[in-house]
Amino acid sequence: MTTPGNRQASDDGGYSLVEMLVVLLLLGIVGTVVTKGIVTTLRSTRIATQRAVALSQLQTAADRLSRELRAAEAPTDPITRLPTTAPLITAIGTSFTADVLRAGHRIRFRRPFRGPHR
């Protein structure tokens, strides 16, 4: 018979199976929360980077278009050499077209608007 002061040698030190399962469960929960936080942070960073790149590209395109339009001449009819009533810039859906006359040559820019990819 054992008394509270007289324990068996097998009970000295160590952890029970239930204690180990509880610890593993808690580690799994903490690990899941930490992993979810890291994944969310990385996804947000990637989206913010894509938006910044898209805005930078849009600004570059707008600057280039602005420079080209300031340097452009009005489109003229090739036969009469009079200004035409055709629009210089047309926008349809998600793209735009700009006709630019420079040194007697017509240059046509066709560019789609591109946003961040998801």
C-alpha atoms as a PDB file:
ATOM      1  CA  MET A   1       0.000   0.000   0.000  1.00  0.00           C
ATOM      2  CA  THR A   2       1.240   3.480  -0.812  1.00  0.00           C
ATOM      3  CA  THR A   3       0.724   6.584   1.217  1.00  0.00           C
ATOM      4  CA  PRO A   4       0.837  10.173  -0.085  1.00  0.00           C
ATOM      5  CA  GLY A   5       4.359  10.593   1.237  1.00  0.00           C
ATOM      6  CA  ASN A   6       5.455   7.249  -0.180  1.00  0.00           C
ATOM      7  CA  ARG A   7       5.011   7.379  -3.977  1.00  0.00           C
ATOM      8  CA  GLN A   8       6.124   4.743  -6.386  1.00  0.00           C
ATOM      9  CA  ALA A   9       9.350   5.400  -8.300  1.00  0.00           C
ATOM     10  CA  SER A  10       7.569   5.455 -11.688  1.00  0.00           C
ATOM     11  CA  ASP A  11       5.575   8.586 -10.697  1.00  0.00           C
ATOM     12  CA  ASP A  12       8.701  10.636  -9.962  1.00  0.00           C
ATOM     13  CA  GLY A  13       9.253  13.189 -12.753  1.00  0.00           C
ATOM     14  CA  GLY A  14       7.912  13.058 -16.309  1.00  0.00           C
ATOM     15  CA  TYR A  15       4.621  14.029 -17.860  1.00  0.00           C
ATOM     16  CA  SER A  16       1.445  12.119 -18.346  1.00  0.00           C
ATOM     17  CA  LEU A  17       0.012  11.439 -21.790  1.00  0.00           C
ATOM     18  CA  VAL A  18      -2.885  13.830 -21.156  1.00  0.00           C
ATOM     19  CA  GLU A  19      -0.480  16.653 -20.263  1.00  0.00           C
ATOM     20  CA  MET A  20       1.519  16.068 -23.448  1.00  0.00           C
ATOM     21  CA  LEU A  21      -1.646  16.071 -25.594  1.00  0.00           C
ATOM     22  CA  VAL A  22      -2.801  19.340 -24.014  1.00  0.00           C
ATOM     23  CA  VAL A  23       0.590  20.942 -24.714  1.00  0.00           C
ATOM     24  CA  LEU A  24       0.552  19.709 -28.331  1.00  0.00           C
ATOM     25  CA  LEU A  25      -2.978  21.043 -28.794  1.00  0.00           C
ATOM     26  CA  LEU A  26      -2.008  24.466 -27.428  1.00  0.00           C
ATOM     27  CA  LEU A  27       1.129  24.571 -29.613  1.00  0.00           C
ATOM     28  CA  GLY A  28      -0.980  23.696 -32.647  1.00  0.00           C
ATOM     29  CA  ILE A  29      -3.437  26.503 -31.929  1.00  0.00           C
ATOM     30  CA  VAL A  30      -0.670  29.063 -31.360  1.00  0.00           C
ATOM     31  CA  GLY A  31       1.160  27.886 -34.484  1.00  0.00           C
ATOM     32  CA  THR A  32      -2.008  28.209 -36.570  1.00  0.00           C
ATOM     33  CA  VAL A  33      -2.665  31.754 -35.341  1.00  0.00           C
ATOM     34  CA  VAL A  34       0.930  32.840 -35.995  1.00  0.00           C
ATOM     35  CA  THR A  35       0.967  31.267 -39.473  1.00  0.00           C
ATOM     36  CA  LYS A  36      -2.355  32.922 -40.366  1.00  0.00           C
ATOM     37  CA  GLY A  37      -0.967  36.302 -39.275  1.00  0.00           C
ATOM     38  CA  ILE A  38       2.181  35.878 -41.359  1.00  0.00           C
ATOM     39  CA  VAL A  39       0.248  34.799 -44.453  1.00  0.00           C
ATOM     40  CA  THR A  40      -2.159  37.739 -44.116  1.00  0.00           C
ATOM     41  CA  THR A  41       0.728  40.183 -43.730  1.00  0.00           C
ATOM     42  CA  LEU A  42       2.537  38.804 -46.772  1.00  0.00           C
ATOM     43  CA  ARG A  43      -0.637  38.931 -48.868  1.00  0.00           C
ATOM     44  CA  SER A  44      -1.307  42.544 -47.855  1.00  0.00           C
ATOM     45  CA  THR A  45       2.276  43.504 -48.667  1.00  0.00           C
ATOM     46  CA  ARG A  46       2.051  41.864 -52.094  1.00  0.00           C
ATOM     47  CA  ILE A  47      -1.213  43.653 -52.919  1.00  0.00           C
ATOM     48  CA  ALA A  48       0.181  47.011 -51.774  1.00  0.00           C
ATOM     49  CA  THR A  49       3.292  46.471 -53.909  1.00  0.00           C
ATOM     50  CA  GLN A  50       1.199  45.599 -56.962  1.00  0.00           C
ATOM     51  CA  ARG A  51      -0.918  48.719 -56.474  1.00  0.00           C
ATOM     52  CA  ALA A  52       2.172  50.897 -56.135  1.00  0.00           C
ATOM     53  CA  VAL A  53       3.645  49.431 -59.334  1.00  0.00           C
ATOM     54  CA  ALA A  54       0.352  49.908 -61.192  1.00  0.00           C
ATOM     55  CA  LEU A  55       0.086  53.517 -60.042  1.00  0.00           C
ATOM     56  CA  SER A  56       3.687  54.159 -61.053  1.00  0.00           C
ATOM     57  CA  GLN A  57       3.061  52.696 -64.511  1.00  0.00           C
ATOM     58  CA  LEU A  58      -0.112  54.735 -64.872  1.00  0.00           C
ATOM     59  CA  GLN A  59       1.726  57.918 -63.892  1.00  0.00           C
ATOM     60  CA  THR A  60       4.495  57.158 -66.399  1.00  0.00           C
ATOM     61  CA  ALA A  61       1.946  56.529 -69.154  1.00  0.00           C
ATOM     62  CA  ALA A  62       0.046  59.714 -68.322  1.00  0.00           C
ATOM     63  CA  ASP A  63       3.279  61.751 -68.333  1.00  0.00           C
ATOM     64  CA  ARG A  64       4.336  60.278 -71.660  1.00  0.00           C
ATOM     65  CA  LEU A  65       0.908  60.851 -73.188  1.00  0.00           C
ATOM     66  CA  SER A  66       0.890  64.414 -71.893  1.00  0.00           C
ATOM     67  CA  ARG A  67       4.321  65.118 -73.416  1.00  0.00           C
ATOM     68  CA  GLU A  68       3.297  63.575 -76.740  1.00  0.00           C
ATOM     69  CA  LEU A  69       0.031  65.500 -76.880  1.00  0.00           C
ATOM     70  CA  ARG A  70       1.742  68.810 -76.094  1.00  0.00           C
ATOM     71  CA  ALA A  71       4.195  68.184 -78.924  1.00  0.00           C
ATOM     72  CA  ALA A  72       1.529  66.931 -81.346  1.00  0.00           C
ATOM     73  CA  GLU A  73      -0.112  68.688 -84.224  1.00  0.00           C
ATOM     74  CA  ALA A  74      -3.813  68.500 -84.961  1.00  0.00           C
ATOM     75  CA  PRO A  75      -4.681  65.618 -87.300  1.00  0.00           C
ATOM     76  CA  THR A  76      -5.166  66.799 -90.853  1.00  0.00           C
ATOM     77  CA  ASP A  77      -6.868  65.332 -93.878  1.00  0.00           C
ATOM     78  CA  PRO A  78      -4.128  63.974 -96.180  1.00  0.00           C
ATOM     79  CA  ILE A  79      -5.810  65.375 -99.296  1.00  0.00           C
ATOM     80  CA  THR A  80      -6.986  68.835 -98.196  1.00  0.00           C
ATOM     81  CA  ARG A  81      -4.366  69.321 -95.450  1.00  0.00           C
ATOM     82  CA  LEU A  82      -7.136  70.876 -93.343  1.00  0.00           C
ATOM     83  CA  PRO A  83      -7.694  69.880 -89.723  1.00  0.00           C
ATOM     84  CA  THR A  84     -10.065  66.956 -89.413  1.00  0.00           C
ATOM     85  CA  THR A  85     -12.904  66.662 -86.971  1.00  0.00           C
ATOM     86  CA  ALA A  86     -11.772  63.193 -85.871  1.00  0.00           C
ATOM     87  CA  PRO A  87     -11.069  62.957 -82.169  1.00  0.00           C
ATOM     88  CA  LEU A  88      -7.447  62.981 -81.136  1.00  0.00           C
ATOM     89  CA  ILE A  89      -8.019  60.580 -78.260  1.00  0.00           C
ATOM     90  CA  THR A  90     -10.631  57.868 -78.034  1.00  0.00           C
ATOM     91  CA  ALA A  91     -11.306  55.643 -75.072  1.00  0.00           C
ATOM     92  CA  ILE A  92     -13.277  52.430 -75.402  1.00  0.00           C
ATOM     93  CA  GLY A  93     -13.763  50.088 -72.478  1.00  0.00           C
ATOM     94  CA  THR A  94     -10.444  49.558 -70.781  1.00  0.00           C
ATOM     95  CA  SER A  95      -8.110  50.955 -73.447  1.00  0.00           C
ATOM     96  CA  PHE A  96      -7.356  54.231 -75.163  1.00  0.00           C
ATOM     97  CA  THR A  97      -6.054  55.266 -78.575  1.00  0.00           C
ATOM     98  CA  ALA A  98      -4.193  58.476 -79.332  1.00  0.00           C
ATOM     99  CA  ASP A  99      -3.349  59.662 -82.859  1.00  0.00           C
ATOM    100  CA  VAL A 100      -0.353  61.954 -82.949  1.00  0.00           C
ATOM    101  CA  LEU A 101       1.017  63.699 -86.009  1.00  0.00           C
ATOM    102  CA  ARG A 102       4.686  64.453 -85.820  1.00  0.00           C
ATOM    103  CA  ALA A 103       6.770  65.614 -88.768  1.00  0.00           C
ATOM    104  CA  GLY A 104       3.998  64.595 -91.152  1.00  0.00           C
ATOM    105  CA  HIS A 105       3.752  61.042 -89.835  1.00  0.00           C
ATOM    106  CA  ARG A 106       0.808  59.691 -87.935  1.00  0.00           C
ATOM    107  CA  ILE A 107       1.675  57.770 -84.790  1.00  0.00           C
ATOM    108  CA  ARG A 108      -1.058  55.756 -83.140  1.00  0.00           C
ATOM    109  CA  PHE A 109      -0.776  54.738 -79.498  1.00  0.00           C
ATOM    110  CA  ARG A 110      -3.005  51.938 -78.311  1.00  0.00           C
ATOM    111  CA  ARG A 111      -2.630  51.036 -74.677  1.00  0.00           C
ATOM    112  CA  PRO A 112      -4.805  48.948 -72.392  1.00  0.00           C
ATOM    113  CA  PHE A 113      -5.320  50.137 -68.847  1.00  0.00           C
ATOM    114  CA  ARG A 114      -3.855  47.545 -66.549  1.00  0.00           C
ATOM    115  CA  GLY A 115      -4.688  47.338 -62.876  1.00  0.00           C
ATOM    116  CA  PRO A 116      -3.209  45.158 -60.179  1.00  0.00           C
ATOM    117  CA  HIS A 117      -3.573  41.443 -60.782  1.00  0.00           C
ATOM    118  CA  ARG A 118      -5.302  39.505 -58.089  1.00  0.00           C
END
